[in-house]
Amino acid sequence: MRPFMSTPQSPQKIKIYYDGLCILCSREMEHYKKIKGSENLEFIDITEPQFNAQAEGLDPFAIHRIMHIRMPDGKILTRISAFLEIWKI
């Protein structure tokens, strides 16, 4: 009988919600996608038709005005706190 061996879990990513129609926002996300550690980030364009803020537990109006990220533990950070977490990677 073989002992049970768990497979390592891949770390959850920080979800970054950004406005893909905003030129500045898109350029900044393109920068983040190229840096070391970007494999720990998931980029979610809130202007895509399939994006549903309420399904993500986010305010559909605030998400378009304020930077949001979701940490791997589910905690939502906004504004400068969100950027500080991104900059840690």
C-alpha atoms as a PDB file:
ATOM      1  CA  MET A   1       0.000   0.000   0.000  1.00  0.00           C
ATOM      2  CA  ARG A   2       1.444   3.355  -1.037  1.00  0.00           C
ATOM      3  CA  PRO A   3       1.338   6.212   1.454  1.00  0.00           C
ATOM      4  CA  PHE A   4      -0.853   9.124   0.513  1.00  0.00           C
ATOM      5  CA  MET A   5       1.189  11.926  -1.016  1.00  0.00           C
ATOM      6  CA  SER A   6      -0.367  15.280  -1.589  1.00  0.00           C
ATOM      7  CA  THR A   7       0.501  17.193  -4.686  1.00  0.00           C
ATOM      8  CA  PRO A   8       1.839  20.665  -4.079  1.00  0.00           C
ATOM      9  CA  GLN A   9      -0.751  23.377  -4.536  1.00  0.00           C
ATOM     10  CA  SER A  10       0.160  26.180  -6.884  1.00  0.00           C
ATOM     11  CA  PRO A  11       0.031  29.490  -5.079  1.00  0.00           C
ATOM     12  CA  GLN A  12      -3.040  31.546  -5.716  1.00  0.00           C
ATOM     13  CA  LYS A  13      -2.500  34.718  -7.631  1.00  0.00           C
ATOM     14  CA  ILE A  14      -3.236  38.319  -6.799  1.00  0.00           C
ATOM     15  CA  LYS A  15      -6.118  39.365  -9.047  1.00  0.00           C
ATOM     16  CA  ILE A  16      -5.698  42.832 -10.508  1.00  0.00           C
ATOM     17  CA  TYR A  17      -8.892  44.433 -11.791  1.00  0.00           C
ATOM     18  CA  TYR A  18      -8.088  47.077 -14.399  1.00  0.00           C
ATOM     19  CA  ASP A  19      -9.833  49.154 -17.054  1.00  0.00           C
ATOM     20  CA  GLY A  20      -8.664  47.871 -20.422  1.00  0.00           C
ATOM     21  CA  LEU A  21     -10.112  50.934 -22.174  1.00  0.00           C
ATOM     22  CA  CYS A  22      -7.890  53.255 -20.151  1.00  0.00           C
ATOM     23  CA  ILE A  23      -4.648  53.761 -22.072  1.00  0.00           C
ATOM     24  CA  LEU A  24      -2.620  54.553 -18.945  1.00  0.00           C
ATOM     25  CA  CYS A  25      -4.080  51.550 -17.057  1.00  0.00           C
ATOM     26  CA  SER A  26      -3.394  49.186 -19.951  1.00  0.00           C
ATOM     27  CA  ARG A  27       0.190  50.377 -20.342  1.00  0.00           C
ATOM     28  CA  GLU A  28       0.812  49.927 -16.643  1.00  0.00           C
ATOM     29  CA  MET A  29      -0.592  46.372 -16.735  1.00  0.00           C
ATOM     30  CA  GLU A  30       1.584  45.572 -19.757  1.00  0.00           C
ATOM     31  CA  HIS A  31       4.582  46.703 -17.687  1.00  0.00           C
ATOM     32  CA  TYR A  32       3.573  44.483 -14.761  1.00  0.00           C
ATOM     33  CA  LYS A  33       3.112  41.495 -17.095  1.00  0.00           C
ATOM     34  CA  LYS A  34       6.785  41.756 -18.116  1.00  0.00           C
ATOM     35  CA  ILE A  35       8.404  41.969 -14.690  1.00  0.00           C
ATOM     36  CA  LYS A  36       9.784  39.165 -12.567  1.00  0.00           C
ATOM     37  CA  GLY A  37       7.037  37.782 -10.356  1.00  0.00           C
ATOM     38  CA  SER A  38       4.224  38.528 -12.793  1.00  0.00           C
ATOM     39  CA  GLU A  39       3.354  34.840 -12.805  1.00  0.00           C
ATOM     40  CA  ASN A  40       1.830  35.576  -9.376  1.00  0.00           C
ATOM     41  CA  LEU A  41      -0.591  38.100 -10.862  1.00  0.00           C
ATOM     42  CA  GLU A  42      -3.866  37.561 -12.683  1.00  0.00           C
ATOM     43  CA  PHE A  43      -4.989  40.458 -14.854  1.00  0.00           C
ATOM     44  CA  ILE A  44      -8.739  40.972 -15.157  1.00  0.00           C
ATOM     45  CA  ASP A  45      -9.996  43.557 -17.633  1.00  0.00           C
ATOM     46  CA  ILE A  46     -13.198  44.940 -16.134  1.00  0.00           C
ATOM     47  CA  THR A  47     -14.351  46.205 -19.540  1.00  0.00           C
ATOM     48  CA  GLU A  48     -14.610  42.707 -21.015  1.00  0.00           C
ATOM     49  CA  PRO A  49     -18.245  41.708 -21.635  1.00  0.00           C
ATOM     50  CA  GLN A  50     -17.953  38.566 -19.503  1.00  0.00           C
ATOM     51  CA  PHE A  51     -16.726  40.484 -16.432  1.00  0.00           C
ATOM     52  CA  ASN A  52     -19.367  40.680 -13.704  1.00  0.00           C
ATOM     53  CA  ALA A  53     -18.379  42.835 -10.731  1.00  0.00           C
ATOM     54  CA  GLN A  54     -21.210  41.557  -8.561  1.00  0.00           C
ATOM     55  CA  ALA A  55     -20.221  37.931  -9.219  1.00  0.00           C
ATOM     56  CA  GLU A  56     -16.745  38.897  -7.984  1.00  0.00           C
ATOM     57  CA  GLY A  57     -18.251  40.502  -4.878  1.00  0.00           C
ATOM     58  CA  LEU A  58     -17.284  43.996  -6.044  1.00  0.00           C
ATOM     59  CA  ASP A  59     -19.263  47.207  -6.337  1.00  0.00           C
ATOM     60  CA  PRO A  60     -19.880  47.685 -10.090  1.00  0.00           C
ATOM     61  CA  PHE A  61     -19.555  51.472  -9.808  1.00  0.00           C
ATOM     62  CA  ALA A  62     -16.543  51.646  -7.482  1.00  0.00           C
ATOM     63  CA  ILE A  63     -14.569  49.153  -9.575  1.00  0.00           C
ATOM     64  CA  HIS A  64     -14.573  51.674 -12.439  1.00  0.00           C
ATOM     65  CA  ARG A  65     -13.356  54.538 -10.261  1.00  0.00           C
ATOM     66  CA  ILE A  66     -10.905  52.972  -7.828  1.00  0.00           C
ATOM     67  CA  MET A  67      -8.055  50.493  -8.277  1.00  0.00           C
ATOM     68  CA  HIS A  68      -8.936  47.078  -6.776  1.00  0.00           C
ATOM     69  CA  ILE A  69      -7.014  43.870  -6.226  1.00  0.00           C
ATOM     70  CA  ARG A  70      -7.999  40.612  -4.566  1.00  0.00           C
ATOM     71  CA  MET A  71      -5.332  38.980  -2.446  1.00  0.00           C
ATOM     72  CA  PRO A  72      -4.933  35.172  -2.477  1.00  0.00           C
ATOM     73  CA  ASP A  73      -6.778  35.019   0.856  1.00  0.00           C
ATOM     74  CA  GLY A  74      -9.760  36.822  -0.723  1.00  0.00           C
ATOM     75  CA  LYS A  75      -9.135  40.192   0.921  1.00  0.00           C
ATOM     76  CA  ILE A  76      -9.874  43.184  -1.325  1.00  0.00           C
ATOM     77  CA  LEU A  77      -7.417  46.069  -1.318  1.00  0.00           C
ATOM     78  CA  THR A  78      -7.970  49.387  -3.061  1.00  0.00           C
ATOM     79  CA  ARG A  79      -6.144  52.559  -3.983  1.00  0.00           C
ATOM     80  CA  ILE A  80      -2.541  52.882  -2.801  1.00  0.00           C
ATOM     81  CA  SER A  81      -2.787  49.705  -0.697  1.00  0.00           C
ATOM     82  CA  ALA A  82      -3.481  47.787  -3.906  1.00  0.00           C
ATOM     83  CA  PHE A  83      -0.495  49.303  -5.689  1.00  0.00           C
ATOM     84  CA  LEU A  84       1.799  48.638  -2.731  1.00  0.00           C
ATOM     85  CA  GLU A  85       0.950  44.924  -2.892  1.00  0.00           C
ATOM     86  CA  ILE A  86       1.589  44.814  -6.639  1.00  0.00           C
ATOM     87  CA  TRP A  87       4.907  46.586  -6.192  1.00  0.00           C
ATOM     88  CA  LYS A  88       6.042  43.938  -3.673  1.00  0.00           C
ATOM     89  CA  ILE A  89       6.358  41.313  -6.397  1.00  0.00           C
END
